[in-house]
Amino acid sequence: MAAIRTAPIEPALPAGFVNASRAFVAAAADLVTGVQRRFVGPANMRSARDNAWAATLEDRARNEARAELTREVAALVARRSSRRRLAKTR
């Protein structure tokens, strides 16, 4: 069986470009965080945990609103069907 030789794969981007891009993104994130901290204050900075908790509360509120609407629709349907039954018996 013959051995298959492959050419070494060259990176699509030079490593220097990748490192520079990462450094730029990190510096931009630090700048945005610093600006946010200046505007809202360190005590009011939102963390990932704060965002997740806010999303959880929004989901609970949305689910409760959906359940309330379902209960209201079921009550309307029940009233309507009981009125129809009453009308048929008269």
C-alpha atoms as a PDB file:
ATOM      1  CA  MET A   1       0.000   0.000   0.000  1.00  0.00           C
ATOM      2  CA  ALA A   2       1.398   3.368  -0.998  1.00  0.00           C
ATOM      3  CA  ALA A   3       1.735   6.134   1.554  1.00  0.00           C
ATOM      4  CA  ILE A   4      -0.165   9.315   0.866  1.00  0.00           C
ATOM      5  CA  ARG A   5       1.761  12.502   1.373  1.00  0.00           C
ATOM      6  CA  THR A   6       0.002  15.715   2.134  1.00  0.00           C
ATOM      7  CA  ALA A   7       1.355  19.200   2.098  1.00  0.00           C
ATOM      8  CA  PRO A   8       1.413  21.014   5.418  1.00  0.00           C
ATOM      9  CA  ILE A   9      -1.630  23.216   5.881  1.00  0.00           C
ATOM     10  CA  GLU A  10      -0.763  26.871   6.093  1.00  0.00           C
ATOM     11  CA  PRO A  11      -2.875  29.066   8.334  1.00  0.00           C
ATOM     12  CA  ALA A  12      -5.412  31.233   6.528  1.00  0.00           C
ATOM     13  CA  LEU A  13      -4.488  34.259   8.611  1.00  0.00           C
ATOM     14  CA  PRO A  14      -1.130  35.086  10.077  1.00  0.00           C
ATOM     15  CA  ALA A  15      -0.908  34.612  13.841  1.00  0.00           C
ATOM     16  CA  GLY A  16       0.005  38.283  14.321  1.00  0.00           C
ATOM     17  CA  PHE A  17      -3.291  39.411  12.793  1.00  0.00           C
ATOM     18  CA  VAL A  18      -5.291  37.098  15.072  1.00  0.00           C
ATOM     19  CA  ASN A  19      -3.444  38.283  18.165  1.00  0.00           C
ATOM     20  CA  ALA A  20      -3.896  41.919  17.175  1.00  0.00           C
ATOM     21  CA  SER A  21      -7.628  41.350  16.605  1.00  0.00           C
ATOM     22  CA  ARG A  22      -8.020  39.732  20.011  1.00  0.00           C
ATOM     23  CA  ALA A  23      -6.129  42.572  21.656  1.00  0.00           C
ATOM     24  CA  PHE A  24      -8.335  45.134  19.893  1.00  0.00           C
ATOM     25  CA  VAL A  25     -11.552  43.385  20.966  1.00  0.00           C
ATOM     26  CA  ALA A  26     -10.316  43.092  24.544  1.00  0.00           C
ATOM     27  CA  ALA A  27      -9.368  46.786  24.634  1.00  0.00           C
ATOM     28  CA  ALA A  28     -12.750  47.785  23.176  1.00  0.00           C
ATOM     29  CA  ALA A  29     -14.575  45.665  25.781  1.00  0.00           C
ATOM     30  CA  ASP A  30     -12.542  47.270  28.562  1.00  0.00           C
ATOM     31  CA  LEU A  31     -13.349  50.723  27.187  1.00  0.00           C
ATOM     32  CA  VAL A  32     -17.093  49.993  27.013  1.00  0.00           C
ATOM     33  CA  THR A  33     -17.063  48.558  30.529  1.00  0.00           C
ATOM     34  CA  GLY A  34     -15.203  51.624  31.823  1.00  0.00           C
ATOM     35  CA  VAL A  35     -17.655  54.017  30.168  1.00  0.00           C
ATOM     36  CA  GLN A  36     -20.618  52.090  31.546  1.00  0.00           C
ATOM     37  CA  ARG A  37     -19.095  52.088  35.030  1.00  0.00           C
ATOM     38  CA  ARG A  38     -18.640  55.891  34.822  1.00  0.00           C
ATOM     39  CA  PHE A  39     -22.237  56.499  33.729  1.00  0.00           C
ATOM     40  CA  VAL A  40     -24.141  54.130  36.013  1.00  0.00           C
ATOM     41  CA  GLY A  41     -21.665  53.738  38.854  1.00  0.00           C
ATOM     42  CA  PRO A  42     -19.928  50.585  40.041  1.00  0.00           C
ATOM     43  CA  ALA A  43     -22.832  49.582  42.291  1.00  0.00           C
ATOM     44  CA  ASN A  44     -25.293  49.625  39.374  1.00  0.00           C
ATOM     45  CA  MET A  45     -23.246  47.574  36.893  1.00  0.00           C
ATOM     46  CA  ARG A  46     -25.249  44.674  35.474  1.00  0.00           C
ATOM     47  CA  SER A  47     -23.621  41.296  35.508  1.00  0.00           C
ATOM     48  CA  ALA A  48     -24.464  38.166  33.561  1.00  0.00           C
ATOM     49  CA  ARG A  49     -26.166  36.881  36.711  1.00  0.00           C
ATOM     50  CA  ASP A  50     -28.315  40.046  36.881  1.00  0.00           C
ATOM     51  CA  ASN A  51     -29.259  39.676  33.220  1.00  0.00           C
ATOM     52  CA  ALA A  52     -30.147  36.001  33.692  1.00  0.00           C
ATOM     53  CA  TRP A  53     -32.301  36.779  36.751  1.00  0.00           C
ATOM     54  CA  ALA A  54     -34.104  39.574  34.880  1.00  0.00           C
ATOM     55  CA  ALA A  55     -34.774  37.178  31.980  1.00  0.00           C
ATOM     56  CA  THR A  56     -36.101  34.569  34.428  1.00  0.00           C
ATOM     57  CA  LEU A  57     -38.476  37.092  35.968  1.00  0.00           C
ATOM     58  CA  GLU A  58     -39.666  38.193  32.526  1.00  0.00           C
ATOM     59  CA  ASP A  59     -40.303  34.562  31.554  1.00  0.00           C
ATOM     60  CA  ARG A  60     -42.305  34.005  34.737  1.00  0.00           C
ATOM     61  CA  ALA A  61     -44.363  37.142  34.132  1.00  0.00           C
ATOM     62  CA  ARG A  62     -45.002  36.158  30.507  1.00  0.00           C
ATOM     63  CA  ASN A  63     -46.043  32.634  31.531  1.00  0.00           C
ATOM     64  CA  GLU A  64     -48.365  34.002  34.231  1.00  0.00           C
ATOM     65  CA  ALA A  65     -49.960  36.406  31.725  1.00  0.00           C
ATOM     66  CA  ARG A  66     -50.438  33.522  29.277  1.00  0.00           C
ATOM     67  CA  ALA A  67     -52.012  31.382  32.011  1.00  0.00           C
ATOM     68  CA  GLU A  68     -54.319  34.244  33.040  1.00  0.00           C
ATOM     69  CA  LEU A  69     -55.447  34.710  29.435  1.00  0.00           C
ATOM     70  CA  THR A  70     -56.050  30.964  29.114  1.00  0.00           C
ATOM     71  CA  ARG A  71     -58.194  31.032  32.273  1.00  0.00           C
ATOM     72  CA  GLU A  72     -60.189  34.011  30.979  1.00  0.00           C
ATOM     73  CA  VAL A  73     -60.812  32.367  27.608  1.00  0.00           C
ATOM     74  CA  ALA A  74     -61.871  29.134  29.306  1.00  0.00           C
ATOM     75  CA  ALA A  75     -64.310  31.069  31.505  1.00  0.00           C
ATOM     76  CA  LEU A  76     -65.776  32.846  28.455  1.00  0.00           C
ATOM     77  CA  VAL A  77     -66.200  29.544  26.597  1.00  0.00           C
ATOM     78  CA  ALA A  78     -67.818  27.945  29.642  1.00  0.00           C
ATOM     79  CA  ARG A  79     -70.260  30.865  30.018  1.00  0.00           C
ATOM     80  CA  ARG A  80     -71.122  30.790  26.341  1.00  0.00           C
ATOM     81  CA  SER A  81     -71.736  27.047  26.287  1.00  0.00           C
ATOM     82  CA  SER A  82     -73.886  27.223  29.442  1.00  0.00           C
ATOM     83  CA  ARG A  83     -75.985  29.996  27.841  1.00  0.00           C
ATOM     84  CA  ARG A  84     -76.469  27.859  24.733  1.00  0.00           C
ATOM     85  CA  ARG A  85     -77.569  24.901  26.855  1.00  0.00           C
ATOM     86  CA  LEU A  86     -80.041  27.149  28.700  1.00  0.00           C
ATOM     87  CA  ALA A  87     -81.407  28.497  25.410  1.00  0.00           C
ATOM     88  CA  LYS A  88     -81.976  24.963  24.066  1.00  0.00           C
ATOM     89  CA  THR A  89     -83.930  23.894  27.153  1.00  0.00           C
ATOM     90  CA  ARG A  90     -86.349  26.823  26.932  1.00  0.00           C
END
